[in-house]
């Protein structure tokens, strides 16, 4: 019914220090969640880039078989560089 008052739940009184500690835990948890999400996003993007590079490598190797060794070297060097960047990013935000 409109305008009807709903009784509030009774809560146990909590000391200010406990409330502040809980708020601090929540804040730290949110920071950790953001860091995890950032690592996940960077890793996902990096994996898609490496997948793209490997696909292009295969296409170019089929088009020019004589360049297979050079293409593999370039693609693998790029993939390793991307992997190092992901590792560095993870180390910096941990």
PDB file of N, CA and C in Angstrom:
ATOM      1  N   UNK A   1       0.839  -1.167   0.000  1.00  0.00           N
ATOM      2  CA  UNK A   1       0.000   0.000   0.000  1.00  0.00           C
ATOM      3  C   UNK A   1       0.892   1.239   0.000  1.00  0.00           C
ATOM      4  N   UNK A   2       0.514   2.239  -0.737  1.00  0.00           N
ATOM      5  CA  UNK A   2       1.296   3.455  -0.862  1.00  0.00           C
ATOM      6  C   UNK A   2       1.346   4.211   0.464  1.00  0.00           C
ATOM      7  N   UNK A   3       2.533   4.687   0.806  1.00  0.00           N
ATOM      8  CA  UNK A   3       2.698   5.458   2.028  1.00  0.00           C
ATOM      9  C   UNK A   3       2.880   4.614   3.271  1.00  0.00           C
ATOM     10  N   UNK A   4       2.844   3.300   3.111  1.00  0.00           N
ATOM     11  CA  UNK A   4       2.988   2.416   4.267  1.00  0.00           C
ATOM     12  C   UNK A   4       4.441   2.404   4.727  1.00  0.00           C
ATOM     13  N   UNK A   5       4.636   2.468   5.997  1.00  0.00           N
ATOM     14  CA  UNK A   5       5.980   2.443   6.548  1.00  0.00           C
ATOM     15  C   UNK A   5       6.450   1.006   6.684  1.00  0.00           C
ATOM     16  N   UNK A   6       7.689   0.788   6.319  1.00  0.00           N
ATOM     17  CA  UNK A   6       8.272  -0.542   6.433  1.00  0.00           C
ATOM     18  C   UNK A   6       9.310  -0.472   7.538  1.00  0.00           C
ATOM     19  N   UNK A   7       9.191  -1.355   8.521  1.00  0.00           N
ATOM     20  CA  UNK A   7      10.154  -1.308   9.620  1.00  0.00           C
ATOM     21  C   UNK A   7      11.561  -1.661   9.131  1.00  0.00           C
ATOM     22  N   UNK A   8      12.550  -0.992   9.682  1.00  0.00           N
ATOM     23  CA  UNK A   8      13.938  -1.268   9.338  1.00  0.00           C
ATOM     24  C   UNK A   8      14.430  -2.467  10.119  1.00  0.00           C
ATOM     25  N   UNK A   9      15.334  -3.189   9.486  1.00  0.00           N
ATOM     26  CA  UNK A   9      15.943  -4.310  10.204  1.00  0.00           C
ATOM     27  C   UNK A   9      16.823  -3.757  11.304  1.00  0.00           C
ATOM     28  N   UNK A  10      16.816  -4.429  12.375  1.00  0.00           N
ATOM     29  CA  UNK A  10      17.703  -4.016  13.461  1.00  0.00           C
ATOM     30  C   UNK A  10      19.080  -4.600  13.218  1.00  0.00           C
ATOM     31  N   UNK A  11      20.064  -3.775  13.427  1.00  0.00           N
ATOM     32  CA  UNK A  11      21.439  -4.238  13.254  1.00  0.00           C
ATOM     33  C   UNK A  11      22.169  -4.119  14.573  1.00  0.00           C
ATOM     34  N   UNK A  12      23.163  -4.914  14.681  1.00  0.00           N
ATOM     35  CA  UNK A  12      23.984  -4.892  15.878  1.00  0.00           C
ATOM     36  C   UNK A  12      24.926  -3.703  15.787  1.00  0.00           C
ATOM     37  N   UNK A  13      25.059  -2.933  16.855  1.00  0.00           N
ATOM     38  CA  UNK A  13      25.985  -1.806  16.820  1.00  0.00           C
ATOM     39  C   UNK A  13      27.413  -2.300  16.554  1.00  0.00           C
ATOM     40  N   UNK A  14      28.120  -1.569  15.750  1.00  0.00           N
ATOM     41  CA  UNK A  14      29.488  -1.929  15.390  1.00  0.00           C
ATOM     42  C   UNK A  14      30.393  -0.754  15.738  1.00  0.00           C
ATOM     43  N   UNK A  15      31.526  -1.085  16.290  1.00  0.00           N
ATOM     44  CA  UNK A  15      32.472  -0.030  16.651  1.00  0.00           C
ATOM     45  C   UNK A  15      33.007   0.648  15.394  1.00  0.00           C
ATOM     46  N   UNK A  16      33.324   1.923  15.542  1.00  0.00           N
ATOM     47  CA  UNK A  16      33.835   2.712  14.424  1.00  0.00           C
ATOM     48  C   UNK A  16      35.085   2.061  13.827  1.00  0.00           C
ATOM     49  N   UNK A  17      35.964   1.529  14.666  1.00  0.00           N
ATOM     50  CA  UNK A  17      37.195   0.901  14.168  1.00  0.00           C
ATOM     51  C   UNK A  17      36.864  -0.298  13.282  1.00  0.00           C
ATOM     52  N   UNK A  18      35.862  -1.067  13.665  1.00  0.00           N
ATOM     53  CA  UNK A  18      35.467  -2.229  12.860  1.00  0.00           C
ATOM     54  C   UNK A  18      34.890  -1.781  11.523  1.00  0.00           C
ATOM     55  N   UNK A  19      34.102  -0.719  11.520  1.00  0.00           N
ATOM     56  CA  UNK A  19      33.547  -0.195  10.273  1.00  0.00           C
ATOM     57  C   UNK A  19      34.655   0.298   9.354  1.00  0.00           C
ATOM     58  N   UNK A  20      35.625   1.003   9.916  1.00  0.00           N
ATOM     59  CA  UNK A  20      36.732   1.521   9.114  1.00  0.00           C
ATOM     60  C   UNK A  20      37.590   0.387   8.567  1.00  0.00           C
ATOM     61  N   UNK A  21      37.819  -0.631   9.381  1.00  0.00           N
ATOM     62  CA  UNK A  21      38.597  -1.781   8.931  1.00  0.00           C
ATOM     63  C   UNK A  21      37.881  -2.497   7.790  1.00  0.00           C
ATOM     64  N   UNK A  22      36.576  -2.649   7.924  1.00  0.00           N
ATOM     65  CA  UNK A  22      35.788  -3.303   6.875  1.00  0.00           C
ATOM     66  C   UNK A  22      35.816  -2.478   5.595  1.00  0.00           C
ATOM     67  N   UNK A  23      35.673  -1.174   5.722  1.00  0.00           N
ATOM     68  CA  UNK A  23      35.731  -0.302   4.551  1.00  0.00           C
ATOM     69  C   UNK A  23      37.099  -0.395   3.882  1.00  0.00           C
ATOM     70  N   UNK A  24      38.148  -0.489   4.676  1.00  0.00           N
ATOM     71  CA  UNK A  24      39.494  -0.629   4.125  1.00  0.00           C
ATOM     72  C   UNK A  24      39.660  -1.933   3.369  1.00  0.00           C
ATOM     73  N   UNK A  25      39.102  -3.013   3.908  1.00  0.00           N
ATOM     74  CA  UNK A  25      39.166  -4.308   3.228  1.00  0.00           C
ATOM     75  C   UNK A  25      38.425  -4.261   1.896  1.00  0.00           C
ATOM     76  N   UNK A  26      37.278  -3.643   1.900  1.00  0.00           N
ATOM     77  CA  UNK A  26      36.494  -3.529   0.667  1.00  0.00           C
ATOM     78  C   UNK A  26      37.267  -2.728  -0.374  1.00  0.00           C
ATOM     79  N   UNK A  27      37.883  -1.640   0.052  1.00  0.00           N
ATOM     80  CA  UNK A  27      38.664  -0.812  -0.875  1.00  0.00           C
ATOM     81  C   UNK A  27      39.843  -1.597  -1.446  1.00  0.00           C
ATOM     82  N   UNK A  28      40.546  -2.338  -0.599  1.00  0.00           N
ATOM     83  CA  UNK A  28      41.682  -3.133  -1.083  1.00  0.00           C
ATOM     84  C   UNK A  28      41.214  -4.236  -2.024  1.00  0.00           C
ATOM     85  N   UNK A  29      40.075  -4.831  -1.723  1.00  0.00           N
ATOM     86  CA  UNK A  29      39.529  -5.874  -2.605  1.00  0.00           C
ATOM     87  C   UNK A  29      39.206  -5.303  -3.977  1.00  0.00           C
ATOM     88  N   UNK A  30      38.660  -4.107  -4.011  1.00  0.00           N
ATOM     89  CA  UNK A  30      38.334  -3.476  -5.300  1.00  0.00           C
ATOM     90  C   UNK A  30      39.594  -3.167  -6.098  1.00  0.00           C
ATOM     91  N   UNK A  31      40.640  -2.735  -5.415  1.00  0.00           N
ATOM     92  CA  UNK A  31      41.909  -2.461  -6.093  1.00  0.00           C
ATOM     93  C   UNK A  31      42.465  -3.755  -6.688  1.00  0.00           C
ATOM     94  N   UNK A  32      42.426  -4.837  -5.917  1.00  0.00           N
ATOM     95  CA  UNK A  32      42.917  -6.132  -6.413  1.00  0.00           C
ATOM     96  C   UNK A  32      42.085  -6.619  -7.591  1.00  0.00           C
ATOM     97  N   UNK A  33      40.771  -6.452  -7.505  1.00  0.00           N
ATOM     98  CA  UNK A  33      39.913  -6.857  -8.616  1.00  0.00           C
ATOM     99  C   UNK A  33      40.243  -6.067  -9.873  1.00  0.00           C
ATOM    100  N   UNK A  34      40.489  -4.784  -9.730  1.00  0.00           N
ATOM    101  CA  UNK A  34      40.845  -3.949 -10.880  1.00  0.00           C
ATOM    102  C   UNK A  34      42.180  -4.389 -11.470  1.00  0.00           C
ATOM    103  N   UNK A  35      43.131  -4.726 -10.609  1.00  0.00           N
ATOM    104  CA  UNK A  35      44.438  -5.181 -11.091  1.00  0.00           C
ATOM    105  C   UNK A  35      44.303  -6.500 -11.842  1.00  0.00           C
ATOM    106  N   UNK A  36      43.514  -7.407 -11.318  1.00  0.00           N
ATOM    107  CA  UNK A  36      43.299  -8.697 -11.978  1.00  0.00           C
ATOM    108  C   UNK A  36      42.629  -8.491 -13.328  1.00  0.00           C
ATOM    109  N   UNK A  37      41.634  -7.631 -13.364  1.00  0.00           N
ATOM    110  CA  UNK A  37      40.931  -7.373 -14.625  1.00  0.00           C
ATOM    111  C   UNK A  37      41.872  -6.738 -15.646  1.00  0.00           C
ATOM    112  N   UNK A  38      42.739  -5.845 -15.182  1.00  0.00           N
ATOM    113  CA  UNK A  38      43.700  -5.205 -16.086  1.00  0.00           C
ATOM    114  C   UNK A  38      44.662  -6.242 -16.655  1.00  0.00           C
ATOM    115  N   UNK A  39      45.163  -7.129 -15.802  1.00  0.00           N
ATOM    116  CA  UNK A  39      46.063  -8.182 -16.277  1.00  0.00           C
ATOM    117  C   UNK A  39      45.362  -9.076 -17.291  1.00  0.00           C
ATOM    118  N   UNK A  40      44.132  -9.423 -16.991  1.00  0.00           N
ATOM    119  CA  UNK A  40      43.366 -10.272 -17.894  1.00  0.00           C
ATOM    120  C   UNK A  40      43.154  -9.595 -19.241  1.00  0.00           C
ATOM    121  N   UNK A  41      42.814  -8.311 -19.221  1.00  0.00           N
ATOM    122  CA  UNK A  41      42.581  -7.581 -20.470  1.00  0.00           C
ATOM    123  C   UNK A  41      43.853  -7.486 -21.303  1.00  0.00           C
ATOM    124  N   UNK A  42      44.965  -7.202 -20.647  1.00  0.00           N
ATOM    125  CA  UNK A  42      46.243  -7.103 -21.362  1.00  0.00           C
ATOM    126  C   UNK A  42      46.625  -8.464 -21.946  1.00  0.00           C
ATOM    127  N   UNK A  43      46.470  -9.520 -21.165  1.00  0.00           N
ATOM    128  CA  UNK A  43      46.810 -10.863 -21.643  1.00  0.00           C
ATOM    129  C   UNK A  43      45.919 -11.272 -22.817  1.00  0.00           C
ATOM    130  N   UNK A  44      44.639 -10.998 -22.702  1.00  0.00           N
ATOM    131  CA  UNK A  44      43.716 -11.353 -23.787  1.00  0.00           C
ATOM    132  C   UNK A  44      44.077 -10.612 -25.074  1.00  0.00           C
ATOM    133  N   UNK A  45      44.360  -9.328 -24.966  1.00  0.00           N
ATOM    134  CA  UNK A  45      44.739  -8.544 -26.137  1.00  0.00           C
ATOM    135  C   UNK A  45      46.041  -9.074 -26.737  1.00  0.00           C
ATOM    136  N   UNK A  46      47.000  -9.362 -25.887  1.00  0.00           N
ATOM    137  CA  UNK A  46      48.286  -9.874 -26.362  1.00  0.00           C
ATOM    138  C   UNK A  46      48.115 -11.206 -27.086  1.00  0.00           C
ATOM    139  N   UNK A  47      47.297 -12.085 -26.524  1.00  0.00           N
ATOM    140  CA  UNK A  47      47.082 -13.383 -27.175  1.00  0.00           C
ATOM    141  C   UNK A  47      46.424 -13.211 -28.540  1.00  0.00           C
ATOM    142  N   UNK A  48      45.495 -12.276 -28.646  1.00  0.00           N
ATOM    143  CA  UNK A  48      44.850 -12.067 -29.948  1.00  0.00           C
ATOM    144  C   UNK A  48      45.849 -11.498 -30.951  1.00  0.00           C
ATOM    145  N   UNK A  49      46.750 -10.656 -30.494  1.00  0.00           N
ATOM    146  CA  UNK A  49      47.776 -10.109 -31.390  1.00  0.00           C
ATOM    147  C   UNK A  49      48.741 -11.200 -31.856  1.00  0.00           C
ATOM    148  N   UNK A  50      49.142 -12.067 -30.950  1.00  0.00           N
ATOM    149  CA  UNK A  50      50.042 -13.161 -31.331  1.00  0.00           C
ATOM    150  C   UNK A  50      49.333 -14.097 -32.306  1.00  0.00           C
ATOM    151  N   UNK A  51      48.067 -14.379 -32.055  1.00  0.00           N
ATOM    152  CA  UNK A  51      47.296 -15.228 -32.963  1.00  0.00           C
ATOM    153  C   UNK A  51      47.233 -14.599 -34.353  1.00  0.00           C
ATOM    154  N   UNK A  52      47.017 -13.293 -34.406  1.00  0.00           N
ATOM    155  CA  UNK A  52      46.987 -12.575 -35.688  1.00  0.00           C
ATOM    156  C   UNK A  52      48.340 -12.695 -36.394  1.00  0.00           C
ATOM    157  N   UNK A  53      49.425 -12.466 -35.657  1.00  0.00           N
ATOM    158  CA  UNK A  53      50.755 -12.559 -36.252  1.00  0.00           C
ATOM    159  C   UNK A  53      51.025 -13.948 -36.820  1.00  0.00           C
ATOM    160  N   UNK A  54      50.644 -14.976 -36.074  1.00  0.00           N
ATOM    161  CA  UNK A  54      50.884 -16.348 -36.536  1.00  0.00           C
ATOM    162  C   UNK A  54      50.039 -16.673 -37.771  1.00  0.00           C
ATOM    163  N   UNK A  55      48.815 -16.134 -37.816  1.00  0.00           N
ATOM    164  CA  UNK A  55      47.963 -16.356 -38.982  1.00  0.00           C
ATOM    165  C   UNK A  55      48.574 -15.683 -40.214  1.00  0.00           C
ATOM    166  N   UNK A  56      49.011 -14.448 -40.051  1.00  0.00           N
ATOM    167  CA  UNK A  56      49.652 -13.732 -41.157  1.00  0.00           C
ATOM    168  C   UNK A  56      50.934 -14.444 -41.579  1.00  0.00           C
ATOM    169  N   UNK A  57      51.678 -14.940 -40.613  1.00  0.00           N
ATOM    170  CA  UNK A  57      52.899 -15.681 -40.922  1.00  0.00           C
ATOM    171  C   UNK A  57      52.578 -16.859 -41.838  1.00  0.00           C
ATOM    172  N   UNK A  58      51.558 -17.633 -41.471  1.00  0.00           N
ATOM    173  CA  UNK A  58      51.176 -18.787 -42.288  1.00  0.00           C
ATOM    174  C   UNK A  58      50.773 -18.393 -43.697  1.00  0.00           C
ATOM    175  N   UNK A  59      49.999 -17.301 -43.813  1.00  0.00           N
ATOM    176  CA  UNK A  59      49.576 -16.835 -45.139  1.00  0.00           C
ATOM    177  C   UNK A  59      50.783 -16.423 -45.981  1.00  0.00           C
ATOM    178  N   UNK A  60      51.702 -15.694 -45.372  1.00  0.00           N
ATOM    179  CA  UNK A  60      52.880 -15.237 -46.109  1.00  0.00           C
ATOM    180  C   UNK A  60      53.807 -16.392 -46.467  1.00  0.00           C
ATOM    181  N   UNK A  61      53.915 -17.379 -45.603  1.00  0.00           N
ATOM    182  CA  UNK A  61      54.753 -18.544 -45.904  1.00  0.00           C
ATOM    183  C   UNK A  61      54.194 -19.324 -47.092  1.00  0.00           C
ATOM    184  N   UNK A  62      52.863 -19.417 -47.170  1.00  0.00           N
ATOM    185  CA  UNK A  62      52.258 -20.104 -48.319  1.00  0.00           C
ATOM    186  C   UNK A  62      52.471 -19.298 -49.608  1.00  0.00           C
ATOM    187  N   UNK A  63      52.443 -17.977 -49.489  1.00  0.00           N
ATOM    188  CA  UNK A  63      52.629 -17.125 -50.661  1.00  0.00           C
ATOM    189  C   UNK A  63      54.091 -17.073 -51.112  1.00  0.00           C
ATOM    190  N   UNK A  64      54.998 -17.207 -50.163  1.00  0.00           N
ATOM    191  CA  UNK A  64      56.428 -17.095 -50.478  1.00  0.00           C
ATOM    192  C   UNK A  64      57.209 -18.112 -49.643  1.00  0.00           C
ATOM    193  N   UNK A  65      57.231 -19.373 -50.076  1.00  0.00           N
ATOM    194  CA  UNK A  65      57.892 -20.430 -49.300  1.00  0.00           C
ATOM    195  C   UNK A  65      59.377 -20.174 -49.029  1.00  0.00           C
ATOM    196  N   UNK A  66      60.034 -19.421 -49.891  1.00  0.00           N
ATOM    197  CA  UNK A  66      61.458 -19.141 -49.685  1.00  0.00           C
ATOM    198  C   UNK A  66      61.716 -18.272 -48.458  1.00  0.00           C
ATOM    199  N   UNK A  67      60.692 -17.572 -47.992  1.00  0.00           N
ATOM    200  CA  UNK A  67      60.856 -16.662 -46.850  1.00  0.00           C
ATOM    201  C   UNK A  67      60.429 -17.293 -45.528  1.00  0.00           C
ATOM    202  N   UNK A  68      60.172 -18.587 -45.528  1.00  0.00           N
ATOM    203  CA  UNK A  68      59.645 -19.259 -44.338  1.00  0.00           C
ATOM    204  C   UNK A  68      60.500 -19.023 -43.098  1.00  0.00           C
ATOM    205  N   UNK A  69      61.804 -19.212 -43.216  1.00  0.00           N
ATOM    206  CA  UNK A  69      62.679 -19.050 -42.049  1.00  0.00           C
ATOM    207  C   UNK A  69      62.662 -17.616 -41.518  1.00  0.00           C
ATOM    208  N   UNK A  70      62.749 -16.653 -42.413  1.00  0.00           N
ATOM    209  CA  UNK A  70      62.756 -15.246 -41.989  1.00  0.00           C
ATOM    210  C   UNK A  70      61.411 -14.860 -41.366  1.00  0.00           C
ATOM    211  N   UNK A  71      60.324 -15.301 -41.965  1.00  0.00           N
ATOM    212  CA  UNK A  71      59.003 -14.988 -41.422  1.00  0.00           C
ATOM    213  C   UNK A  71      58.811 -15.600 -40.026  1.00  0.00           C
ATOM    214  N   UNK A  72      59.290 -16.833 -39.864  1.00  0.00           N
ATOM    215  CA  UNK A  72      59.182 -17.483 -38.562  1.00  0.00           C
ATOM    216  C   UNK A  72      60.000 -16.724 -37.519  1.00  0.00           C
ATOM    217  N   UNK A  73      61.183 -16.298 -37.892  1.00  0.00           N
ATOM    218  CA  UNK A  73      62.040 -15.548 -36.972  1.00  0.00           C
ATOM    219  C   UNK A  73      61.372 -14.235 -36.554  1.00  0.00           C
ATOM    220  N   UNK A  74      60.826 -13.529 -37.528  1.00  0.00           N
ATOM    221  CA  UNK A  74      60.168 -12.250 -37.236  1.00  0.00           C
ATOM    222  C   UNK A  74      58.936 -12.460 -36.357  1.00  0.00           C
ATOM    223  N   UNK A  75      58.080 -13.399 -36.730  1.00  0.00           N
ATOM    224  CA  UNK A  75      56.852 -13.641 -35.961  1.00  0.00           C
ATOM    225  C   UNK A  75      57.166 -14.108 -34.544  1.00  0.00           C
ATOM    226  N   UNK A  76      58.139 -14.995 -34.406  1.00  0.00           N
ATOM    227  CA  UNK A  76      58.495 -15.487 -33.079  1.00  0.00           C
ATOM    228  C   UNK A  76      59.131 -14.397 -32.218  1.00  0.00           C
ATOM    229  N   UNK A  77      59.957 -13.554 -32.825  1.00  0.00           N
ATOM    230  CA  UNK A  77      60.560 -12.442 -32.075  1.00  0.00           C
ATOM    231  C   UNK A  77      59.476 -11.482 -31.597  1.00  0.00           C
ATOM    232  N   UNK A  78      58.524 -11.193 -32.461  1.00  0.00           N
ATOM    233  CA  UNK A  78      57.431 -10.297 -32.079  1.00  0.00           C
ATOM    234  C   UNK A  78      56.585 -10.925 -30.969  1.00  0.00           C
ATOM    235  N   UNK A  79      56.299 -12.206 -31.094  1.00  0.00           N
ATOM    236  CA  UNK A  79      55.502 -12.894 -30.076  1.00  0.00           C
ATOM    237  C   UNK A  79      56.220 -12.901 -28.727  1.00  0.00           C
ATOM    238  N   UNK A  80      57.519 -13.126 -28.733  1.00  0.00           N
ATOM    239  CA  UNK A  80      58.282 -13.113 -27.480  1.00  0.00           C
ATOM    240  C   UNK A  80      58.322 -11.714 -26.877  1.00  0.00           C
ATOM    241  N   UNK A  81      58.435 -10.711 -27.721  1.00  0.00           N
ATOM    242  CA  UNK A  81      58.430  -9.336 -27.229  1.00  0.00           C
ATOM    243  C   UNK A  81      57.084  -9.010 -26.574  1.00  0.00           C
ATOM    244  N   UNK A  82      56.011  -9.434 -27.184  1.00  0.00           N
ATOM    245  CA  UNK A  82      54.675  -9.224 -26.610  1.00  0.00           C
ATOM    246  C   UNK A  82      54.567  -9.953 -25.278  1.00  0.00           C
ATOM    247  N   UNK A  83      55.053 -11.170 -25.224  1.00  0.00           N
ATOM    248  CA  UNK A  83      54.996 -11.943 -23.978  1.00  0.00           C
ATOM    249  C   UNK A  83      55.797 -11.247 -22.866  1.00  0.00           C
ATOM    250  N   UNK A  84      56.956 -10.690 -23.209  1.00  0.00           N
ATOM    251  CA  UNK A  84      57.745  -9.960 -22.210  1.00  0.00           C
ATOM    252  C   UNK A  84      57.001  -8.718 -21.715  1.00  0.00           C
ATOM    253  N   UNK A  85      56.323  -8.035 -22.619  1.00  0.00           N
ATOM    254  CA  UNK A  85      55.560  -6.850 -22.216  1.00  0.00           C
ATOM    255  C   UNK A  85      54.422  -7.221 -21.264  1.00  0.00           C
ATOM    256  N   UNK A  86      53.755  -8.335 -21.544  1.00  0.00           N
ATOM    257  CA  UNK A  86      52.681  -8.794 -20.656  1.00  0.00           C
ATOM    258  C   UNK A  86      53.253  -9.135 -19.293  1.00  0.00           C
ATOM    259  N   UNK A  87      54.388  -9.807 -19.269  1.00  0.00           N
ATOM    260  CA  UNK A  87      55.027 -10.175 -18.008  1.00  0.00           C
ATOM    261  C   UNK A  87      55.435  -8.929 -17.224  1.00  0.00           C
ATOM    262  N   UNK A  88      56.019  -7.971 -17.929  1.00  0.00           N
ATOM    263  CA  UNK A  88      56.440  -6.722 -17.280  1.00  0.00           C
ATOM    264  C   UNK A  88      55.234  -5.978 -16.706  1.00  0.00           C
ATOM    265  N   UNK A  89      54.156  -5.913 -17.467  1.00  0.00           N
ATOM    266  CA  UNK A  89      52.946  -5.252 -16.979  1.00  0.00           C
ATOM    267  C   UNK A  89      52.425  -5.945 -15.721  1.00  0.00           C
ATOM    268  N   UNK A  90      52.379  -7.269 -15.748  1.00  0.00           N
ATOM    269  CA  UNK A  90      51.903  -8.015 -14.577  1.00  0.00           C
ATOM    270  C   UNK A  90      52.783  -7.795 -13.362  1.00  0.00           C
ATOM    271  N   UNK A  91      54.077  -7.700 -13.583  1.00  0.00           N
ATOM    272  CA  UNK A  91      55.007  -7.474 -12.481  1.00  0.00           C
ATOM    273  C   UNK A  91      54.840  -6.067 -11.892  1.00  0.00           C
ATOM    274  N   UNK A  92      54.566  -5.113 -12.747  1.00  0.00           N
ATOM    275  CA  UNK A  92      54.436  -3.727 -12.288  1.00  0.00           C
ATOM    276  C   UNK A  92      53.179  -3.497 -11.467  1.00  0.00           C
ATOM    277  N   UNK A  93      52.095  -4.184 -11.783  1.00  0.00           N
ATOM    278  CA  UNK A  93      50.867  -3.911 -11.047  1.00  0.00           C
ATOM    279  C   UNK A  93      50.648  -4.877  -9.895  1.00  0.00           C
ATOM    280  N   UNK A  94      51.509  -5.839  -9.759  1.00  0.00           N
ATOM    281  CA  UNK A  94      51.379  -6.789  -8.642  1.00  0.00           C
ATOM    282  C   UNK A  94      51.980  -6.217  -7.373  1.00  0.00           C
TER     283      UNK A  94
END
